[in-house]
Amino acid sequence: MKILSNTTVLSNFARIQQLTLLHRLFGTLYLPTEVFAEIQAAQIEGYSFFEGIEQQVVPFVADGWLHLVTMTEQELRQFGAMQAGLHRGERACLAIATQRSWLLLTDDRAARAQAQRQKIAISGTIGCLTLSVERKIATLDQANGWLAAMIAQGYHAPLTDLSALIQPER
C-alpha cells in the first residue's frame, strides 16, 4: 500500500531532526503538491526544520524518497466539494487517499475524523513511533525520547509513553 502524508506528521519528525525515520519505515512517502506548498510557506515563515527538504523530493532530485503527486480530475472534484474547515493539504490528502486507497498519515483531528467517515486507512505520529519500535528500527526508550522531544516542541500528543501500544513479541 502506498502512503501519503499530510504536513502535521512531517513537521513532528522534522522538528526533532528525525524525518529520515519515516524514510526508514516506509521507503517512499507521497506528498500532494498542496502539502509541499504548505511546507514551502512554512519555510518562508521561518520554520527552519524544513530546511533542505527539497533535497529529498522527487522531482527536484532523482533519488528522493518523498514523491510529489497531483490530483486527478476526479480527485479535484472531491477536493472542491470538501468542507472549508480543512486546509488545502488535508483536503488534497483526503481526496487522493479516498480515490487511490492509500494510507494517510495525519495528526489533524478534523482530517482524521473525515478520513474515518470516508473509511480511509489512517495513522499518525504515534503510529509511526510505535511501528519504529515494532520493526526494531528504534528502541522503546528512543521512541519515547522522540515523543518527549516532539511534545517539548509543541506536539499535542494523546499520550506520553508508547509502552501500552507496543505489541509484545510472540
N, C-alpha and C. Protein backbone atom coordinates (compact mmCIF):
# COMPACT_ATOMS: atom_id res chain seq x y z
N MET A 1 0.84 -1.18 0.00
CA MET A 1 0.00 0.00 0.00
C MET A 1 0.89 1.24 0.00
N LYS A 2 0.52 2.20 -0.81
CA LYS A 2 1.26 3.46 -0.84
C LYS A 2 0.81 4.34 0.33
N ILE A 3 1.73 5.20 0.76
CA ILE A 3 1.48 6.02 1.94
C ILE A 3 1.63 7.49 1.60
N LEU A 4 0.62 8.24 1.99
CA LEU A 4 0.50 9.66 1.71
C LEU A 4 0.60 10.40 3.04
N SER A 5 1.34 11.50 3.06
CA SER A 5 1.47 12.23 4.32
C SER A 5 0.98 13.65 4.21
N ASN A 6 0.35 14.08 5.29
CA ASN A 6 -0.03 15.47 5.47
C ASN A 6 1.14 16.18 6.16
N THR A 7 1.07 17.46 6.25
CA THR A 7 2.15 18.26 6.83
C THR A 7 2.38 17.97 8.31
N THR A 8 1.33 17.64 9.06
CA THR A 8 1.46 17.52 10.51
C THR A 8 2.48 16.46 10.93
N VAL A 9 2.41 15.28 10.35
CA VAL A 9 3.33 14.21 10.72
C VAL A 9 4.76 14.57 10.29
N LEU A 10 4.91 15.09 9.08
CA LEU A 10 6.23 15.52 8.61
C LEU A 10 6.84 16.55 9.56
N SER A 11 6.02 17.49 9.99
CA SER A 11 6.50 18.55 10.89
C SER A 11 7.01 17.99 12.20
N ASN A 12 6.26 17.06 12.77
CA ASN A 12 6.68 16.49 14.05
C ASN A 12 8.04 15.83 13.97
N PHE A 13 8.29 15.07 12.92
CA PHE A 13 9.57 14.39 12.77
C PHE A 13 10.67 15.36 12.34
N ALA A 14 10.34 16.31 11.50
CA ALA A 14 11.35 17.29 11.06
C ALA A 14 11.81 18.17 12.22
N ARG A 15 10.90 18.54 13.10
CA ARG A 15 11.23 19.40 14.25
C ARG A 15 12.31 18.80 15.15
N ILE A 16 12.37 17.46 15.20
CA ILE A 16 13.35 16.81 16.08
C ILE A 16 14.45 16.13 15.25
N GLN A 17 14.60 16.55 14.01
CA GLN A 17 15.63 16.03 13.11
C GLN A 17 15.55 14.50 12.93
N GLN A 18 14.32 13.99 12.84
CA GLN A 18 14.12 12.55 12.64
C GLN A 18 13.24 12.27 11.42
N LEU A 19 13.26 13.18 10.44
CA LEU A 19 12.45 12.99 9.25
C LEU A 19 12.83 11.70 8.52
N THR A 20 14.11 11.33 8.57
CA THR A 20 14.55 10.12 7.87
C THR A 20 13.98 8.85 8.49
N LEU A 21 13.47 8.93 9.73
CA LEU A 21 12.81 7.76 10.31
C LEU A 21 11.62 7.34 9.44
N LEU A 22 10.90 8.31 8.90
CA LEU A 22 9.77 8.00 8.02
C LEU A 22 10.26 7.28 6.76
N HIS A 23 11.41 7.68 6.27
CA HIS A 23 12.01 7.00 5.11
C HIS A 23 12.36 5.56 5.46
N ARG A 24 12.93 5.36 6.63
CA ARG A 24 13.29 4.01 7.06
C ARG A 24 12.05 3.14 7.27
N LEU A 25 10.97 3.74 7.73
CA LEU A 25 9.73 2.99 7.96
C LEU A 25 9.01 2.62 6.68
N PHE A 26 8.94 3.56 5.75
CA PHE A 26 8.05 3.38 4.60
C PHE A 26 8.75 3.35 3.25
N GLY A 27 10.03 3.68 3.20
CA GLY A 27 10.68 3.78 1.89
C GLY A 27 10.23 5.06 1.23
N THR A 28 9.31 4.94 0.33
CA THR A 28 8.76 6.10 -0.38
C THR A 28 7.53 6.63 0.34
N LEU A 29 7.45 7.93 0.43
CA LEU A 29 6.30 8.61 1.01
C LEU A 29 5.81 9.60 -0.05
N TYR A 30 4.51 9.69 -0.21
CA TYR A 30 3.91 10.57 -1.22
C TYR A 30 3.34 11.82 -0.57
N LEU A 31 3.56 12.96 -1.23
CA LEU A 31 3.05 14.25 -0.77
C LEU A 31 2.26 14.91 -1.88
N PRO A 32 1.03 15.29 -1.62
CA PRO A 32 0.33 16.11 -2.61
C PRO A 32 1.07 17.43 -2.79
N THR A 33 0.99 17.99 -3.96
CA THR A 33 1.66 19.27 -4.20
C THR A 33 1.15 20.34 -3.23
N GLU A 34 -0.09 20.22 -2.77
CA GLU A 34 -0.64 21.17 -1.81
C GLU A 34 0.08 21.08 -0.47
N VAL A 35 0.47 19.88 -0.06
CA VAL A 35 1.24 19.70 1.17
C VAL A 35 2.62 20.31 1.00
N PHE A 36 3.23 20.10 -0.15
CA PHE A 36 4.55 20.68 -0.38
C PHE A 36 4.46 22.21 -0.38
N ALA A 37 3.37 22.76 -0.90
CA ALA A 37 3.18 24.22 -0.85
C ALA A 37 3.09 24.71 0.59
N GLU A 38 2.46 23.92 1.48
CA GLU A 38 2.40 24.28 2.90
C GLU A 38 3.80 24.26 3.51
N ILE A 39 4.60 23.28 3.13
CA ILE A 39 5.98 23.19 3.62
C ILE A 39 6.79 24.41 3.15
N GLN A 40 6.63 24.78 1.89
CA GLN A 40 7.34 25.95 1.36
C GLN A 40 6.91 27.22 2.10
N ALA A 41 5.61 27.34 2.37
CA ALA A 41 5.12 28.51 3.11
C ALA A 41 5.70 28.53 4.52
N ALA A 42 5.81 27.36 5.14
CA ALA A 42 6.40 27.27 6.48
C ALA A 42 7.87 27.70 6.46
N GLN A 43 8.58 27.34 5.41
CA GLN A 43 9.97 27.76 5.28
C GLN A 43 10.07 29.28 5.20
N ILE A 44 9.20 29.88 4.42
CA ILE A 44 9.20 31.34 4.27
C ILE A 44 8.88 32.01 5.61
N GLU A 45 8.01 31.38 6.40
CA GLU A 45 7.64 31.91 7.71
C GLU A 45 8.72 31.69 8.76
N GLY A 46 9.79 31.00 8.39
CA GLY A 46 10.90 30.82 9.31
C GLY A 46 11.00 29.47 10.01
N TYR A 47 10.20 28.51 9.60
CA TYR A 47 10.29 27.18 10.19
C TYR A 47 11.49 26.46 9.59
N SER A 48 12.63 26.63 10.23
CA SER A 48 13.90 26.14 9.69
C SER A 48 14.03 24.63 9.70
N PHE A 49 13.18 23.94 10.45
CA PHE A 49 13.28 22.48 10.50
C PHE A 49 12.97 21.83 9.15
N PHE A 50 12.37 22.58 8.24
CA PHE A 50 12.10 22.06 6.89
C PHE A 50 13.23 22.41 5.92
N GLU A 51 14.25 23.09 6.39
CA GLU A 51 15.35 23.49 5.52
C GLU A 51 15.99 22.27 4.85
N GLY A 52 16.16 22.36 3.56
CA GLY A 52 16.81 21.30 2.80
C GLY A 52 15.91 20.14 2.40
N ILE A 53 14.63 20.20 2.74
CA ILE A 53 13.74 19.08 2.43
C ILE A 53 13.64 18.83 0.92
N GLU A 54 13.83 19.89 0.14
CA GLU A 54 13.76 19.74 -1.32
C GLU A 54 14.76 18.70 -1.83
N GLN A 55 15.84 18.50 -1.09
CA GLN A 55 16.87 17.53 -1.49
C GLN A 55 16.41 16.09 -1.30
N GLN A 56 15.20 15.91 -0.76
CA GLN A 56 14.62 14.57 -0.59
C GLN A 56 13.40 14.37 -1.49
N VAL A 57 13.06 15.38 -2.28
CA VAL A 57 11.79 15.37 -3.01
C VAL A 57 12.00 15.14 -4.51
N VAL A 58 11.37 14.10 -5.02
CA VAL A 58 11.25 13.88 -6.46
C VAL A 58 10.11 14.78 -6.90
N PRO A 59 10.29 15.65 -7.84
CA PRO A 59 11.21 15.64 -8.96
C PRO A 59 12.44 16.54 -8.81
N PHE A 60 12.66 17.14 -7.65
CA PHE A 60 13.81 18.03 -7.51
C PHE A 60 15.12 17.26 -7.53
N VAL A 61 15.10 16.04 -7.02
CA VAL A 61 16.24 15.13 -7.10
C VAL A 61 15.72 13.78 -7.57
N ALA A 62 16.49 13.10 -8.37
CA ALA A 62 16.04 11.83 -8.94
C ALA A 62 15.91 10.72 -7.90
N ASP A 63 16.76 10.74 -6.87
CA ASP A 63 16.76 9.64 -5.91
C ASP A 63 16.09 9.98 -4.59
N GLY A 64 15.19 10.95 -4.60
CA GLY A 64 14.49 11.33 -3.38
C GLY A 64 13.50 10.27 -2.93
N TRP A 65 13.14 10.32 -1.68
CA TRP A 65 12.18 9.35 -1.13
C TRP A 65 10.81 9.97 -0.90
N LEU A 66 10.71 11.29 -1.00
CA LEU A 66 9.43 12.00 -0.94
C LEU A 66 9.01 12.30 -2.38
N HIS A 67 7.86 11.77 -2.78
CA HIS A 67 7.40 11.92 -4.15
C HIS A 67 6.17 12.82 -4.20
N LEU A 68 6.24 13.86 -5.02
CA LEU A 68 5.09 14.74 -5.19
C LEU A 68 4.05 14.07 -6.08
N VAL A 69 2.79 14.24 -5.71
CA VAL A 69 1.69 13.74 -6.53
C VAL A 69 0.68 14.86 -6.74
N THR A 70 0.05 14.82 -7.89
CA THR A 70 -1.01 15.78 -8.19
C THR A 70 -2.34 15.04 -8.27
N MET A 71 -3.38 15.78 -8.07
CA MET A 71 -4.71 15.19 -8.08
C MET A 71 -5.22 14.98 -9.50
N THR A 72 -5.96 13.90 -9.67
CA THR A 72 -6.65 13.63 -10.92
C THR A 72 -7.89 14.53 -10.98
N GLU A 73 -8.56 14.50 -12.11
CA GLU A 73 -9.77 15.31 -12.26
C GLU A 73 -10.83 14.91 -11.24
N GLN A 74 -11.01 13.62 -11.03
CA GLN A 74 -12.00 13.14 -10.06
C GLN A 74 -11.60 13.56 -8.64
N GLU A 75 -10.33 13.48 -8.32
CA GLU A 75 -9.85 13.90 -7.00
C GLU A 75 -10.03 15.40 -6.81
N LEU A 76 -9.81 16.17 -7.87
CA LEU A 76 -10.04 17.62 -7.79
C LEU A 76 -11.50 17.95 -7.49
N ARG A 77 -12.41 17.19 -8.09
CA ARG A 77 -13.83 17.41 -7.82
C ARG A 77 -14.14 17.12 -6.36
N GLN A 78 -13.60 16.02 -5.86
CA GLN A 78 -13.82 15.67 -4.45
C GLN A 78 -13.19 16.73 -3.53
N PHE A 79 -11.98 17.17 -3.88
CA PHE A 79 -11.27 18.21 -3.15
C PHE A 79 -12.15 19.46 -3.03
N GLY A 80 -12.74 19.88 -4.15
CA GLY A 80 -13.57 21.09 -4.18
C GLY A 80 -14.86 20.95 -3.39
N ALA A 81 -15.34 19.73 -3.21
CA ALA A 81 -16.61 19.51 -2.51
C ALA A 81 -16.44 19.36 -1.00
N MET A 82 -15.21 19.29 -0.53
CA MET A 82 -14.98 19.08 0.91
C MET A 82 -15.21 20.34 1.73
N GLN A 83 -15.45 20.10 3.02
CA GLN A 83 -15.72 21.20 3.95
C GLN A 83 -14.58 22.20 3.98
N ALA A 84 -14.93 23.46 4.11
CA ALA A 84 -13.95 24.54 4.09
C ALA A 84 -13.07 24.56 5.34
N GLY A 85 -13.44 23.88 6.40
CA GLY A 85 -12.67 23.89 7.64
C GLY A 85 -11.32 23.19 7.55
N LEU A 86 -11.13 22.42 6.52
CA LEU A 86 -9.86 21.72 6.33
C LEU A 86 -8.93 22.54 5.45
N HIS A 87 -7.63 22.46 5.75
CA HIS A 87 -6.64 23.15 4.90
C HIS A 87 -6.53 22.44 3.55
N ARG A 88 -5.94 23.14 2.60
CA ARG A 88 -5.79 22.59 1.24
C ARG A 88 -5.02 21.27 1.25
N GLY A 89 -3.95 21.18 2.03
CA GLY A 89 -3.16 19.96 2.08
C GLY A 89 -3.96 18.78 2.62
N GLU A 90 -4.75 19.04 3.64
CA GLU A 90 -5.59 17.98 4.22
C GLU A 90 -6.64 17.52 3.23
N ARG A 91 -7.27 18.47 2.56
CA ARG A 91 -8.29 18.10 1.58
C ARG A 91 -7.68 17.32 0.42
N ALA A 92 -6.50 17.72 -0.03
CA ALA A 92 -5.83 17.00 -1.11
C ALA A 92 -5.48 15.58 -0.67
N CYS A 93 -4.96 15.45 0.54
CA CYS A 93 -4.64 14.11 1.07
C CYS A 93 -5.88 13.23 1.12
N LEU A 94 -6.97 13.78 1.62
CA LEU A 94 -8.20 13.00 1.73
C LEU A 94 -8.73 12.59 0.36
N ALA A 95 -8.70 13.50 -0.59
CA ALA A 95 -9.19 13.18 -1.93
C ALA A 95 -8.35 12.08 -2.57
N ILE A 96 -7.04 12.21 -2.48
CA ILE A 96 -6.14 11.21 -3.08
C ILE A 96 -6.26 9.87 -2.37
N ALA A 97 -6.24 9.89 -1.04
CA ALA A 97 -6.32 8.64 -0.28
C ALA A 97 -7.63 7.91 -0.56
N THR A 98 -8.72 8.65 -0.69
CA THR A 98 -10.02 8.03 -0.99
C THR A 98 -10.00 7.36 -2.35
N GLN A 99 -9.57 8.08 -3.35
CA GLN A 99 -9.62 7.55 -4.72
C GLN A 99 -8.60 6.45 -4.98
N ARG A 100 -7.46 6.51 -4.32
CA ARG A 100 -6.38 5.55 -4.60
C ARG A 100 -6.23 4.47 -3.53
N SER A 101 -7.04 4.55 -2.48
CA SER A 101 -6.97 3.59 -1.36
C SER A 101 -5.57 3.55 -0.74
N TRP A 102 -5.00 4.72 -0.51
CA TRP A 102 -3.69 4.83 0.12
C TRP A 102 -3.86 5.09 1.61
N LEU A 103 -2.86 4.70 2.39
CA LEU A 103 -2.81 5.01 3.82
C LEU A 103 -2.47 6.49 3.97
N LEU A 104 -3.17 7.16 4.85
CA LEU A 104 -2.95 8.59 5.10
C LEU A 104 -2.32 8.79 6.47
N LEU A 105 -1.19 9.48 6.51
CA LEU A 105 -0.55 9.88 7.76
C LEU A 105 -0.98 11.31 8.07
N THR A 106 -1.68 11.48 9.18
CA THR A 106 -2.08 12.81 9.62
C THR A 106 -2.37 12.79 11.11
N ASP A 107 -2.08 13.90 11.76
CA ASP A 107 -2.43 14.06 13.16
C ASP A 107 -3.55 15.08 13.33
N ASP A 108 -3.96 15.69 12.25
CA ASP A 108 -5.00 16.70 12.33
C ASP A 108 -6.34 16.06 12.70
N ARG A 109 -6.92 16.52 13.78
CA ARG A 109 -8.16 15.92 14.30
C ARG A 109 -9.30 15.95 13.28
N ALA A 110 -9.51 17.08 12.64
CA ALA A 110 -10.60 17.19 11.66
C ALA A 110 -10.35 16.29 10.45
N ALA A 111 -9.11 16.23 9.99
CA ALA A 111 -8.77 15.38 8.85
C ALA A 111 -8.94 13.90 9.22
N ARG A 112 -8.55 13.53 10.43
CA ARG A 112 -8.71 12.14 10.87
C ARG A 112 -10.20 11.77 10.96
N ALA A 113 -11.00 12.68 11.46
CA ALA A 113 -12.44 12.42 11.57
C ALA A 113 -13.05 12.24 10.18
N GLN A 114 -12.66 13.10 9.25
CA GLN A 114 -13.16 12.99 7.87
C GLN A 114 -12.68 11.69 7.24
N ALA A 115 -11.43 11.32 7.48
CA ALA A 115 -10.88 10.07 6.94
C ALA A 115 -11.67 8.87 7.46
N GLN A 116 -12.00 8.89 8.73
CA GLN A 116 -12.77 7.79 9.31
C GLN A 116 -14.16 7.71 8.68
N ARG A 117 -14.77 8.86 8.44
CA ARG A 117 -16.09 8.87 7.78
C ARG A 117 -15.99 8.31 6.37
N GLN A 118 -14.86 8.56 5.70
CA GLN A 118 -14.67 8.10 4.32
C GLN A 118 -14.02 6.72 4.26
N LYS A 119 -13.80 6.11 5.44
CA LYS A 119 -13.20 4.77 5.54
C LYS A 119 -11.81 4.70 4.93
N ILE A 120 -11.03 5.77 5.15
CA ILE A 120 -9.64 5.84 4.70
C ILE A 120 -8.76 5.27 5.82
N ALA A 121 -7.81 4.43 5.46
CA ALA A 121 -6.85 3.91 6.44
C ALA A 121 -5.96 5.08 6.88
N ILE A 122 -5.83 5.25 8.21
CA ILE A 122 -5.03 6.36 8.73
C ILE A 122 -4.04 5.89 9.80
N SER A 123 -3.02 6.68 9.94
CA SER A 123 -2.07 6.56 11.04
C SER A 123 -1.54 7.97 11.27
N GLY A 124 -0.64 8.09 12.23
CA GLY A 124 -0.08 9.40 12.52
C GLY A 124 1.25 9.27 13.22
N THR A 125 1.65 10.30 13.89
CA THR A 125 2.94 10.33 14.56
C THR A 125 3.07 9.19 15.56
N ILE A 126 2.09 8.99 16.39
CA ILE A 126 2.14 7.92 17.40
C ILE A 126 2.25 6.56 16.71
N GLY A 127 1.48 6.35 15.67
CA GLY A 127 1.55 5.10 14.94
C GLY A 127 2.92 4.86 14.33
N CYS A 128 3.54 5.91 13.81
CA CYS A 128 4.88 5.80 13.22
C CYS A 128 5.92 5.47 14.29
N LEU A 129 5.83 6.13 15.44
CA LEU A 129 6.76 5.85 16.53
C LEU A 129 6.60 4.41 17.02
N THR A 130 5.37 3.98 17.17
CA THR A 130 5.10 2.60 17.60
C THR A 130 5.65 1.60 16.59
N LEU A 131 5.39 1.86 15.32
CA LEU A 131 5.88 0.98 14.26
C LEU A 131 7.40 0.91 14.24
N SER A 132 8.06 2.02 14.55
CA SER A 132 9.53 2.02 14.57
C SER A 132 10.07 1.07 15.64
N VAL A 133 9.35 0.95 16.74
CA VAL A 133 9.76 0.02 17.80
C VAL A 133 9.43 -1.42 17.38
N GLU A 134 8.23 -1.62 16.86
CA GLU A 134 7.82 -2.97 16.46
C GLU A 134 8.72 -3.54 15.36
N ARG A 135 9.21 -2.69 14.48
CA ARG A 135 10.10 -3.14 13.40
C ARG A 135 11.57 -3.15 13.84
N LYS A 136 11.81 -2.80 15.09
CA LYS A 136 13.16 -2.78 15.67
C LYS A 136 14.09 -1.78 14.98
N ILE A 137 13.51 -0.71 14.49
CA ILE A 137 14.28 0.40 13.96
C ILE A 137 14.74 1.29 15.12
N ALA A 138 13.93 1.29 16.17
CA ALA A 138 14.23 2.07 17.38
C ALA A 138 13.86 1.25 18.60
N THR A 139 14.47 1.61 19.71
CA THR A 139 14.07 1.00 20.98
C THR A 139 12.88 1.78 21.52
N LEU A 140 12.21 1.19 22.49
CA LEU A 140 11.10 1.90 23.14
C LEU A 140 11.59 3.18 23.79
N ASP A 141 12.77 3.12 24.41
CA ASP A 141 13.33 4.32 25.03
C ASP A 141 13.61 5.42 24.00
N GLN A 142 14.15 5.04 22.84
CA GLN A 142 14.40 6.03 21.78
C GLN A 142 13.10 6.67 21.32
N ALA A 143 12.10 5.81 21.03
CA ALA A 143 10.81 6.31 20.53
C ALA A 143 10.14 7.20 21.57
N ASN A 144 10.19 6.81 22.83
CA ASN A 144 9.62 7.67 23.88
C ASN A 144 10.40 8.97 24.01
N GLY A 145 11.71 8.92 23.79
CA GLY A 145 12.52 10.14 23.81
C GLY A 145 12.14 11.07 22.67
N TRP A 146 11.92 10.51 21.49
CA TRP A 146 11.48 11.32 20.35
C TRP A 146 10.11 11.92 20.62
N LEU A 147 9.22 11.12 21.21
CA LEU A 147 7.89 11.62 21.55
C LEU A 147 8.00 12.78 22.54
N ALA A 148 8.84 12.63 23.56
CA ALA A 148 9.03 13.71 24.54
C ALA A 148 9.58 14.96 23.87
N ALA A 149 10.51 14.78 22.93
CA ALA A 149 11.07 15.93 22.20
C ALA A 149 10.00 16.61 21.35
N MET A 150 9.13 15.83 20.73
CA MET A 150 8.04 16.40 19.93
C MET A 150 7.09 17.20 20.82
N ILE A 151 6.76 16.63 21.97
CA ILE A 151 5.87 17.32 22.91
C ILE A 151 6.51 18.63 23.36
N ALA A 152 7.81 18.61 23.62
CA ALA A 152 8.52 19.83 24.02
C ALA A 152 8.49 20.88 22.91
N GLN A 153 8.36 20.43 21.66
CA GLN A 153 8.29 21.34 20.51
C GLN A 153 6.86 21.76 20.17
N GLY A 154 5.89 21.31 20.97
CA GLY A 154 4.52 21.76 20.76
C GLY A 154 3.54 20.73 20.25
N TYR A 155 3.98 19.49 20.05
CA TYR A 155 3.07 18.44 19.60
C TYR A 155 2.09 18.11 20.73
N HIS A 156 0.81 18.14 20.43
CA HIS A 156 -0.23 17.82 21.40
C HIS A 156 -0.53 16.32 21.31
N ALA A 157 0.30 15.53 21.94
CA ALA A 157 0.18 14.08 21.88
C ALA A 157 -0.91 13.57 22.79
N PRO A 158 -1.58 12.50 22.39
CA PRO A 158 -2.62 11.91 23.24
C PRO A 158 -2.06 11.10 24.40
N LEU A 159 -0.73 10.86 24.41
CA LEU A 159 -0.09 10.12 25.48
C LEU A 159 1.38 10.52 25.55
N THR A 160 2.04 10.12 26.62
CA THR A 160 3.45 10.47 26.79
C THR A 160 4.36 9.25 26.85
N ASP A 161 3.77 8.07 26.79
CA ASP A 161 4.54 6.82 26.85
C ASP A 161 3.91 5.82 25.88
N LEU A 162 4.72 5.26 25.01
CA LEU A 162 4.24 4.34 23.98
C LEU A 162 4.11 2.90 24.46
N SER A 163 4.52 2.62 25.68
CA SER A 163 4.57 1.24 26.19
C SER A 163 3.26 0.47 25.98
N ALA A 164 2.15 1.10 26.26
CA ALA A 164 0.86 0.41 26.17
C ALA A 164 0.48 0.05 24.73
N LEU A 165 1.10 0.70 23.76
CA LEU A 165 0.77 0.47 22.36
C LEU A 165 1.65 -0.58 21.68
N ILE A 166 2.76 -0.91 22.31
CA ILE A 166 3.70 -1.84 21.70
C ILE A 166 3.20 -3.27 21.86
N GLN A 167 3.12 -3.98 20.76
CA GLN A 167 2.67 -5.37 20.76
C GLN A 167 3.79 -6.24 21.33
N PRO A 168 3.49 -7.07 22.32
CA PRO A 168 4.54 -7.95 22.85
C PRO A 168 4.95 -8.98 21.79
N GLU A 169 6.22 -9.37 21.85
CA GLU A 169 6.71 -10.37 20.91
C GLU A 169 6.09 -11.72 21.24
N ARG A 170 5.83 -12.49 20.18
CA ARG A 170 5.22 -13.82 20.38
C ARG A 170 6.26 -14.89 20.28
